[in-house]
Amino acid sequence: MRRFGFTLLELLIVLVILSVVLSVSFPKIVQINLSSEESTINRIKSLFSNSFSLSNPVEVCLNFKKNVLSVGGEEVKLPFTAETVVFPGKLISSERVSKFCFQVKNLNYGAIIGKKENEYGAIFFTLPLGEIKIYHLNSSEEETLKDKIEKGRIVQWFNYYL
């Protein structure tokens, strides 16, 4: 007589093998999906903080076409589509240039602002200290941030919005 089905021992062995495989692979799968933007932000932070010194100026470039930030030759893809770079007294738009580069020679601050789906993202940086902050903004906050940085009144923006 032929037997159809599995014994309890066979089922237990299959369940143990599946649980071992899932316990090893599942955290890595979740980590890759959940932290891609976070890992990009951490990469940008490390580039800014590790690359600057007043004695040796580093070149920072933003390639609007490729959506890549380059700090001292090392590149990282931005988590949003870059549209504007803002410094006190200066606003650089992706509509006017395809690539913008500058050297850090003294204390300065600025922001890279871009769009991701329905919201704006901003990377606010203080150079050469290497400090950066990432913000998610709506369109009116984005325009206010551009205006305050361009006019050198960034403290007002922080006091009002943060």
N, C-alpha and C. Protein backbone atom coordinates (compact mmCIF):
# COMPACT_ATOMS: atom_id res chain seq x y z
N MET A 1 0.82 -1.17 0.00
CA MET A 1 0.00 0.00 0.00
C MET A 1 0.88 1.25 0.00
N ARG A 2 0.55 2.20 -0.87
CA ARG A 2 1.35 3.43 -0.99
C ARG A 2 0.88 4.43 0.04
N ARG A 3 1.85 5.16 0.56
CA ARG A 3 1.56 6.14 1.61
C ARG A 3 1.63 7.53 0.98
N PHE A 4 0.58 8.35 1.20
CA PHE A 4 0.55 9.72 0.71
C PHE A 4 0.63 10.65 1.90
N GLY A 5 1.54 11.65 1.84
CA GLY A 5 1.66 12.60 2.95
C GLY A 5 3.06 12.59 3.52
N PHE A 6 3.25 13.36 4.58
CA PHE A 6 4.56 13.51 5.20
C PHE A 6 4.47 13.12 6.66
N THR A 7 5.55 12.63 7.18
CA THR A 7 5.58 12.32 8.61
C THR A 7 5.82 13.60 9.39
N LEU A 8 5.57 13.55 10.67
CA LEU A 8 5.77 14.70 11.54
C LEU A 8 7.24 15.11 11.55
N LEU A 9 8.14 14.17 11.51
CA LEU A 9 9.58 14.46 11.50
C LEU A 9 9.99 15.20 10.23
N GLU A 10 9.48 14.82 9.09
CA GLU A 10 9.78 15.51 7.84
C GLU A 10 9.28 16.95 7.85
N LEU A 11 8.08 17.17 8.37
CA LEU A 11 7.52 18.52 8.47
C LEU A 11 8.35 19.39 9.42
N LEU A 12 8.79 18.83 10.53
CA LEU A 12 9.62 19.59 11.48
C LEU A 12 10.95 19.99 10.87
N ILE A 13 11.57 19.11 10.12
CA ILE A 13 12.86 19.41 9.48
C ILE A 13 12.68 20.55 8.48
N VAL A 14 11.62 20.53 7.67
CA VAL A 14 11.36 21.59 6.70
C VAL A 14 11.11 22.92 7.41
N LEU A 15 10.34 22.90 8.49
CA LEU A 15 10.07 24.14 9.24
C LEU A 15 11.33 24.71 9.88
N VAL A 16 12.20 23.87 10.39
CA VAL A 16 13.46 24.35 10.98
C VAL A 16 14.33 24.99 9.90
N ILE A 17 14.44 24.36 8.77
CA ILE A 17 15.25 24.91 7.67
C ILE A 17 14.68 26.26 7.22
N LEU A 18 13.37 26.35 7.04
CA LEU A 18 12.75 27.61 6.64
C LEU A 18 12.95 28.71 7.68
N SER A 19 12.83 28.38 8.94
CA SER A 19 13.00 29.41 9.98
C SER A 19 14.43 29.92 10.04
N VAL A 20 15.41 29.04 9.83
CA VAL A 20 16.81 29.47 9.81
C VAL A 20 17.07 30.39 8.62
N VAL A 21 16.59 30.01 7.46
CA VAL A 21 16.79 30.83 6.26
C VAL A 21 16.12 32.19 6.42
N LEU A 22 14.89 32.22 6.90
CA LEU A 22 14.19 33.50 7.07
C LEU A 22 14.80 34.36 8.17
N SER A 23 15.26 33.75 9.24
CA SER A 23 15.85 34.56 10.31
C SER A 23 17.16 35.22 9.87
N VAL A 24 17.85 34.64 8.92
CA VAL A 24 19.09 35.23 8.41
C VAL A 24 18.80 36.27 7.33
N SER A 25 17.88 35.98 6.44
CA SER A 25 17.67 36.86 5.28
C SER A 25 16.67 37.98 5.51
N PHE A 26 15.65 37.80 6.31
CA PHE A 26 14.59 38.80 6.46
C PHE A 26 15.10 40.14 7.01
N PRO A 27 15.92 40.18 8.06
CA PRO A 27 16.40 41.49 8.53
C PRO A 27 17.19 42.26 7.48
N LYS A 28 17.96 41.57 6.66
CA LYS A 28 18.74 42.24 5.62
C LYS A 28 17.82 42.81 4.54
N ILE A 29 16.78 42.09 4.18
CA ILE A 29 15.84 42.58 3.18
C ILE A 29 15.12 43.82 3.69
N VAL A 30 14.66 43.80 4.92
CA VAL A 30 13.96 44.94 5.51
C VAL A 30 14.90 46.13 5.64
N GLN A 31 16.13 45.89 6.05
CA GLN A 31 17.09 46.97 6.22
C GLN A 31 17.39 47.65 4.90
N ILE A 32 17.53 46.92 3.83
CA ILE A 32 17.81 47.50 2.51
C ILE A 32 16.66 48.37 2.06
N ASN A 33 15.43 47.91 2.21
CA ASN A 33 14.27 48.66 1.75
C ASN A 33 13.98 49.89 2.60
N LEU A 34 14.15 49.80 3.91
CA LEU A 34 13.76 50.89 4.78
C LEU A 34 14.81 51.98 4.90
N SER A 35 16.07 51.65 4.72
CA SER A 35 17.09 52.63 5.06
C SER A 35 17.89 53.14 3.86
N SER A 36 17.38 53.03 2.66
CA SER A 36 18.14 53.52 1.52
C SER A 36 18.32 55.04 1.59
N GLU A 37 17.25 55.79 1.94
CA GLU A 37 17.37 57.24 2.07
C GLU A 37 18.22 57.58 3.29
N GLU A 38 18.05 56.84 4.36
CA GLU A 38 18.83 57.10 5.57
C GLU A 38 20.32 56.84 5.33
N SER A 39 20.64 55.78 4.60
CA SER A 39 22.05 55.50 4.33
C SER A 39 22.66 56.57 3.42
N THR A 40 21.88 57.10 2.48
CA THR A 40 22.36 58.18 1.63
C THR A 40 22.64 59.43 2.46
N ILE A 41 21.74 59.74 3.38
CA ILE A 41 21.93 60.90 4.25
C ILE A 41 23.16 60.73 5.12
N ASN A 42 23.35 59.54 5.67
CA ASN A 42 24.54 59.28 6.49
C ASN A 42 25.81 59.39 5.66
N ARG A 43 25.76 58.97 4.41
CA ARG A 43 26.92 59.06 3.52
C ARG A 43 27.26 60.53 3.24
N ILE A 44 26.24 61.35 3.01
CA ILE A 44 26.46 62.78 2.78
C ILE A 44 27.06 63.41 4.03
N LYS A 45 26.52 63.06 5.20
CA LYS A 45 27.04 63.61 6.46
C LYS A 45 28.51 63.25 6.65
N SER A 46 28.86 62.00 6.37
CA SER A 46 30.26 61.61 6.54
C SER A 46 31.18 62.28 5.54
N LEU A 47 30.71 62.48 4.30
CA LEU A 47 31.53 63.21 3.31
C LEU A 47 31.79 64.63 3.77
N PHE A 48 30.76 65.31 4.23
CA PHE A 48 30.92 66.69 4.68
C PHE A 48 31.80 66.78 5.92
N SER A 49 31.58 65.92 6.89
CA SER A 49 32.32 66.05 8.15
C SER A 49 33.78 65.60 8.04
N ASN A 50 34.07 64.64 7.18
CA ASN A 50 35.43 64.11 7.10
C ASN A 50 36.31 64.83 6.08
N SER A 51 35.75 65.65 5.23
CA SER A 51 36.52 66.18 4.11
C SER A 51 37.03 67.60 4.29
N PHE A 52 36.61 68.30 5.31
CA PHE A 52 36.91 69.72 5.36
C PHE A 52 37.95 70.09 6.40
N SER A 53 38.81 71.02 5.98
CA SER A 53 39.75 71.69 6.88
C SER A 53 40.03 73.05 6.28
N LEU A 54 40.30 74.02 7.14
CA LEU A 54 40.57 75.37 6.64
C LEU A 54 41.90 75.46 5.90
N SER A 55 42.86 74.60 6.27
CA SER A 55 44.18 74.67 5.63
C SER A 55 44.18 74.07 4.23
N ASN A 56 43.25 73.16 3.96
CA ASN A 56 43.22 72.49 2.66
C ASN A 56 41.80 72.56 2.09
N PRO A 57 41.48 73.58 1.27
CA PRO A 57 40.12 73.72 0.74
C PRO A 57 39.72 72.52 -0.13
N VAL A 58 38.49 72.10 0.02
CA VAL A 58 37.96 70.98 -0.73
C VAL A 58 36.92 71.50 -1.73
N GLU A 59 36.91 70.92 -2.91
CA GLU A 59 35.93 71.33 -3.91
C GLU A 59 34.65 70.51 -3.74
N VAL A 60 33.53 71.22 -3.73
CA VAL A 60 32.21 70.60 -3.65
C VAL A 60 31.50 70.90 -4.96
N CYS A 61 30.96 69.86 -5.60
CA CYS A 61 30.26 70.03 -6.87
C CYS A 61 28.88 69.37 -6.79
N LEU A 62 27.92 70.03 -7.37
CA LEU A 62 26.59 69.46 -7.50
C LEU A 62 26.28 69.36 -8.98
N ASN A 63 26.12 68.15 -9.46
CA ASN A 63 25.78 67.90 -10.85
C ASN A 63 24.26 67.74 -10.92
N PHE A 64 23.58 68.77 -11.42
CA PHE A 64 22.12 68.76 -11.48
C PHE A 64 21.59 67.69 -12.43
N LYS A 65 22.31 67.46 -13.54
CA LYS A 65 21.84 66.48 -14.52
C LYS A 65 21.89 65.06 -13.96
N LYS A 66 22.99 64.71 -13.31
CA LYS A 66 23.13 63.37 -12.75
C LYS A 66 22.53 63.26 -11.35
N ASN A 67 22.21 64.41 -10.73
CA ASN A 67 21.68 64.46 -9.36
C ASN A 67 22.68 63.85 -8.37
N VAL A 68 23.93 64.28 -8.51
CA VAL A 68 25.03 63.74 -7.72
C VAL A 68 25.76 64.87 -7.02
N LEU A 69 26.07 64.67 -5.75
CA LEU A 69 26.88 65.60 -4.97
C LEU A 69 28.28 65.01 -4.86
N SER A 70 29.29 65.80 -5.20
CA SER A 70 30.67 65.36 -5.14
C SER A 70 31.42 66.22 -4.13
N VAL A 71 32.05 65.58 -3.16
CA VAL A 71 32.82 66.28 -2.13
C VAL A 71 34.23 65.72 -2.15
N GLY A 72 35.18 66.55 -2.58
CA GLY A 72 36.57 66.10 -2.65
C GLY A 72 36.77 64.91 -3.56
N GLY A 73 35.97 64.80 -4.61
CA GLY A 73 36.11 63.70 -5.57
C GLY A 73 35.23 62.50 -5.29
N GLU A 74 34.68 62.38 -4.08
CA GLU A 74 33.79 61.26 -3.77
C GLU A 74 32.36 61.68 -4.06
N GLU A 75 31.61 60.78 -4.73
CA GLU A 75 30.27 61.12 -5.17
C GLU A 75 29.21 60.36 -4.39
N VAL A 76 28.06 61.00 -4.23
CA VAL A 76 26.89 60.35 -3.63
C VAL A 76 25.64 60.87 -4.33
N LYS A 77 24.73 59.97 -4.63
CA LYS A 77 23.47 60.33 -5.28
C LYS A 77 22.53 60.92 -4.23
N LEU A 78 21.89 62.04 -4.57
CA LEU A 78 21.00 62.72 -3.64
C LEU A 78 19.67 61.99 -3.50
N PRO A 79 19.03 62.08 -2.32
CA PRO A 79 17.76 61.38 -2.10
C PRO A 79 16.56 62.09 -2.73
N PHE A 80 16.80 63.22 -3.37
CA PHE A 80 15.74 63.95 -4.07
C PHE A 80 16.33 64.58 -5.31
N THR A 81 15.50 65.10 -6.21
CA THR A 81 15.97 65.74 -7.43
C THR A 81 16.36 67.18 -7.12
N ALA A 82 17.66 67.46 -7.15
CA ALA A 82 18.17 68.79 -6.81
C ALA A 82 17.71 69.82 -7.82
N GLU A 83 17.20 70.95 -7.31
CA GLU A 83 16.75 72.04 -8.17
C GLU A 83 17.50 73.34 -7.93
N THR A 84 17.96 73.55 -6.69
CA THR A 84 18.54 74.84 -6.34
C THR A 84 19.64 74.66 -5.30
N VAL A 85 20.68 75.49 -5.41
CA VAL A 85 21.69 75.64 -4.36
C VAL A 85 21.60 77.10 -3.91
N VAL A 86 21.53 77.32 -2.60
CA VAL A 86 21.35 78.66 -2.08
C VAL A 86 22.48 78.97 -1.09
N PHE A 87 23.10 80.14 -1.29
CA PHE A 87 24.09 80.70 -0.37
C PHE A 87 23.66 82.12 -0.04
N PRO A 88 24.21 82.72 1.02
CA PRO A 88 23.89 84.13 1.26
C PRO A 88 24.28 84.97 0.03
N GLY A 89 23.31 85.65 -0.54
CA GLY A 89 23.54 86.50 -1.70
C GLY A 89 23.61 85.78 -3.02
N LYS A 90 23.35 84.46 -3.03
CA LYS A 90 23.50 83.71 -4.28
C LYS A 90 22.46 82.59 -4.35
N LEU A 91 21.81 82.47 -5.50
CA LEU A 91 20.85 81.41 -5.75
C LEU A 91 21.21 80.79 -7.09
N ILE A 92 21.55 79.51 -7.10
CA ILE A 92 21.95 78.82 -8.32
C ILE A 92 20.87 77.80 -8.66
N SER A 93 20.30 77.92 -9.84
CA SER A 93 19.18 77.07 -10.26
C SER A 93 19.63 76.04 -11.28
N SER A 94 18.99 74.88 -11.24
CA SER A 94 19.27 73.84 -12.23
C SER A 94 18.82 74.25 -13.62
N GLU A 95 17.96 75.26 -13.71
CA GLU A 95 17.51 75.73 -15.01
C GLU A 95 18.59 76.54 -15.72
N ARG A 96 19.52 77.12 -14.95
CA ARG A 96 20.57 77.96 -15.55
C ARG A 96 21.88 77.22 -15.77
N VAL A 97 22.22 76.30 -14.87
CA VAL A 97 23.49 75.57 -15.00
C VAL A 97 23.24 74.08 -14.82
N SER A 98 24.11 73.27 -15.40
CA SER A 98 23.98 71.83 -15.23
C SER A 98 24.88 71.31 -14.10
N LYS A 99 25.91 72.10 -13.76
CA LYS A 99 26.83 71.70 -12.70
C LYS A 99 27.32 72.96 -11.99
N PHE A 100 27.39 72.90 -10.67
CA PHE A 100 27.87 74.03 -9.89
C PHE A 100 28.92 73.52 -8.91
N CYS A 101 30.09 74.17 -8.92
CA CYS A 101 31.19 73.79 -8.03
C CYS A 101 31.66 75.00 -7.23
N PHE A 102 32.13 74.75 -6.02
CA PHE A 102 32.70 75.82 -5.19
C PHE A 102 33.73 75.21 -4.26
N GLN A 103 34.65 76.05 -3.79
CA GLN A 103 35.65 75.62 -2.83
C GLN A 103 35.36 76.26 -1.49
N VAL A 104 35.55 75.48 -0.44
CA VAL A 104 35.30 75.96 0.91
C VAL A 104 36.60 76.55 1.45
N LYS A 105 36.61 77.87 1.61
CA LYS A 105 37.81 78.54 2.11
C LYS A 105 37.57 79.20 3.46
N ASN A 106 36.32 79.48 3.79
CA ASN A 106 36.00 80.07 5.08
C ASN A 106 34.64 79.57 5.54
N LEU A 107 34.25 79.97 6.72
CA LEU A 107 32.98 79.53 7.27
C LEU A 107 31.82 80.02 6.41
N ASN A 108 30.97 79.11 6.01
CA ASN A 108 29.86 79.44 5.13
C ASN A 108 28.72 78.48 5.40
N TYR A 109 27.54 78.88 5.02
CA TYR A 109 26.39 77.98 5.11
C TYR A 109 25.56 78.12 3.85
N GLY A 110 24.76 77.12 3.60
CA GLY A 110 23.91 77.12 2.43
C GLY A 110 22.99 75.92 2.46
N ALA A 111 22.27 75.72 1.36
CA ALA A 111 21.34 74.60 1.28
C ALA A 111 21.24 74.11 -0.15
N ILE A 112 21.04 72.81 -0.27
CA ILE A 112 20.69 72.18 -1.54
C ILE A 112 19.22 71.82 -1.40
N ILE A 113 18.41 72.35 -2.30
CA ILE A 113 16.97 72.14 -2.20
C ILE A 113 16.50 71.41 -3.45
N GLY A 114 15.65 70.43 -3.25
CA GLY A 114 15.14 69.67 -4.37
C GLY A 114 13.76 69.13 -4.09
N LYS A 115 13.22 68.43 -5.05
CA LYS A 115 11.85 67.94 -4.94
C LYS A 115 11.83 66.42 -5.03
N LYS A 116 10.99 65.83 -4.18
CA LYS A 116 10.76 64.39 -4.22
C LYS A 116 9.26 64.19 -4.07
N GLU A 117 8.63 63.74 -5.13
CA GLU A 117 7.19 63.55 -5.18
C GLU A 117 6.48 64.87 -4.86
N ASN A 118 5.71 64.95 -3.78
CA ASN A 118 4.92 66.15 -3.49
C ASN A 118 5.55 67.05 -2.44
N GLU A 119 6.75 66.76 -2.01
CA GLU A 119 7.37 67.61 -0.99
C GLU A 119 8.79 67.98 -1.40
N TYR A 120 9.31 68.98 -0.73
CA TYR A 120 10.67 69.43 -1.00
C TYR A 120 11.60 68.89 0.08
N GLY A 121 12.82 68.61 -0.32
CA GLY A 121 13.85 68.22 0.62
C GLY A 121 14.94 69.27 0.61
N ALA A 122 15.54 69.48 1.76
CA ALA A 122 16.63 70.46 1.85
C ALA A 122 17.75 69.87 2.67
N ILE A 123 18.95 70.00 2.16
CA ILE A 123 20.15 69.65 2.91
C ILE A 123 20.79 70.97 3.29
N PHE A 124 20.68 71.34 4.54
CA PHE A 124 21.27 72.58 5.04
C PHE A 124 22.65 72.25 5.57
N PHE A 125 23.70 72.97 5.12
CA PHE A 125 25.06 72.64 5.52
C PHE A 125 25.79 73.87 6.03
N THR A 126 26.69 73.63 6.97
CA THR A 126 27.59 74.64 7.50
C THR A 126 29.01 74.15 7.22
N LEU A 127 29.75 74.92 6.44
CA LEU A 127 31.09 74.51 6.01
C LEU A 127 32.13 75.44 6.59
N PRO A 128 33.31 75.05 6.89
CA PRO A 128 33.88 73.71 6.78
C PRO A 128 33.63 72.84 7.99
N LEU A 129 32.71 73.20 8.87
CA LEU A 129 32.44 72.39 10.06
C LEU A 129 31.92 71.01 9.70
N GLY A 130 31.28 70.90 8.55
CA GLY A 130 30.77 69.61 8.12
C GLY A 130 29.43 69.26 8.72
N GLU A 131 28.77 70.20 9.35
CA GLU A 131 27.46 69.93 9.93
C GLU A 131 26.40 70.04 8.85
N ILE A 132 25.51 69.06 8.81
CA ILE A 132 24.39 69.14 7.88
C ILE A 132 23.11 68.71 8.59
N LYS A 133 22.01 69.23 8.10
CA LYS A 133 20.69 68.85 8.59
C LYS A 133 19.81 68.63 7.37
N ILE A 134 18.95 67.65 7.47
CA ILE A 134 18.04 67.31 6.38
C ILE A 134 16.63 67.69 6.80
N TYR A 135 15.92 68.38 5.91
CA TYR A 135 14.55 68.80 6.19
C TYR A 135 13.63 68.37 5.07
N HIS A 136 12.39 68.09 5.44
CA HIS A 136 11.32 67.85 4.47
C HIS A 136 10.39 69.05 4.59
N LEU A 137 10.16 69.76 3.48
CA LEU A 137 9.44 71.03 3.49
C LEU A 137 8.27 71.00 2.52
N ASN A 138 7.27 71.85 2.79
CA ASN A 138 6.24 72.08 1.79
C ASN A 138 6.70 73.24 0.90
N SER A 139 5.94 73.60 -0.10
CA SER A 139 6.42 74.59 -1.08
C SER A 139 6.61 75.98 -0.46
N SER A 140 5.75 76.39 0.47
CA SER A 140 5.92 77.72 1.07
C SER A 140 7.15 77.75 1.98
N GLU A 141 7.42 76.67 2.71
CA GLU A 141 8.63 76.62 3.54
C GLU A 141 9.87 76.62 2.67
N GLU A 142 9.80 75.97 1.52
CA GLU A 142 10.93 75.93 0.60
C GLU A 142 11.25 77.33 0.09
N GLU A 143 10.26 78.08 -0.31
CA GLU A 143 10.48 79.45 -0.79
C GLU A 143 11.01 80.35 0.33
N THR A 144 10.48 80.18 1.55
CA THR A 144 10.95 80.97 2.68
C THR A 144 12.40 80.66 3.00
N LEU A 145 12.77 79.38 2.97
CA LEU A 145 14.16 79.00 3.23
C LEU A 145 15.10 79.62 2.19
N LYS A 146 14.74 79.54 0.92
CA LYS A 146 15.56 80.15 -0.13
C LYS A 146 15.76 81.65 0.13
N ASP A 147 14.66 82.32 0.44
CA ASP A 147 14.70 83.76 0.68
C ASP A 147 15.57 84.12 1.88
N LYS A 148 15.41 83.40 2.98
CA LYS A 148 16.16 83.72 4.20
C LYS A 148 17.65 83.46 4.02
N ILE A 149 18.01 82.36 3.36
CA ILE A 149 19.43 82.08 3.13
C ILE A 149 20.03 83.12 2.20
N GLU A 150 19.31 83.42 1.12
CA GLU A 150 19.83 84.37 0.13
C GLU A 150 20.04 85.75 0.75
N LYS A 151 19.20 86.15 1.68
CA LYS A 151 19.33 87.45 2.33
C LYS A 151 20.17 87.41 3.60
N GLY A 152 20.73 86.22 3.93
CA GLY A 152 21.59 86.12 5.11
C GLY A 152 20.82 86.14 6.42
N ARG A 153 19.57 85.75 6.41
CA ARG A 153 18.74 85.78 7.61
C ARG A 153 18.30 84.37 8.00
N ILE A 154 19.20 83.44 7.97
CA ILE A 154 18.84 82.05 8.23
C ILE A 154 18.37 81.83 9.67
N VAL A 155 18.86 82.62 10.63
CA VAL A 155 18.44 82.47 12.02
C VAL A 155 16.94 82.72 12.14
N GLN A 156 16.40 83.66 11.38
CA GLN A 156 14.95 83.92 11.40
C GLN A 156 14.17 82.69 10.94
N TRP A 157 14.67 82.01 9.91
CA TRP A 157 13.98 80.82 9.43
C TRP A 157 13.95 79.76 10.51
N PHE A 158 15.09 79.52 11.17
CA PHE A 158 15.14 78.51 12.22
C PHE A 158 14.23 78.88 13.39
N ASN A 159 14.21 80.14 13.76
CA ASN A 159 13.36 80.55 14.88
C ASN A 159 11.88 80.37 14.56
N TYR A 160 11.49 80.59 13.31
CA TYR A 160 10.08 80.52 12.95
C TYR A 160 9.62 79.09 12.66
N TYR A 161 10.42 78.32 11.94
CA TYR A 161 9.98 77.01 11.47
C TYR A 161 10.42 75.84 12.32
N LEU A 162 11.39 76.02 13.17
CA LEU A 162 11.88 74.86 13.92
C LEU A 162 11.58 74.93 15.38
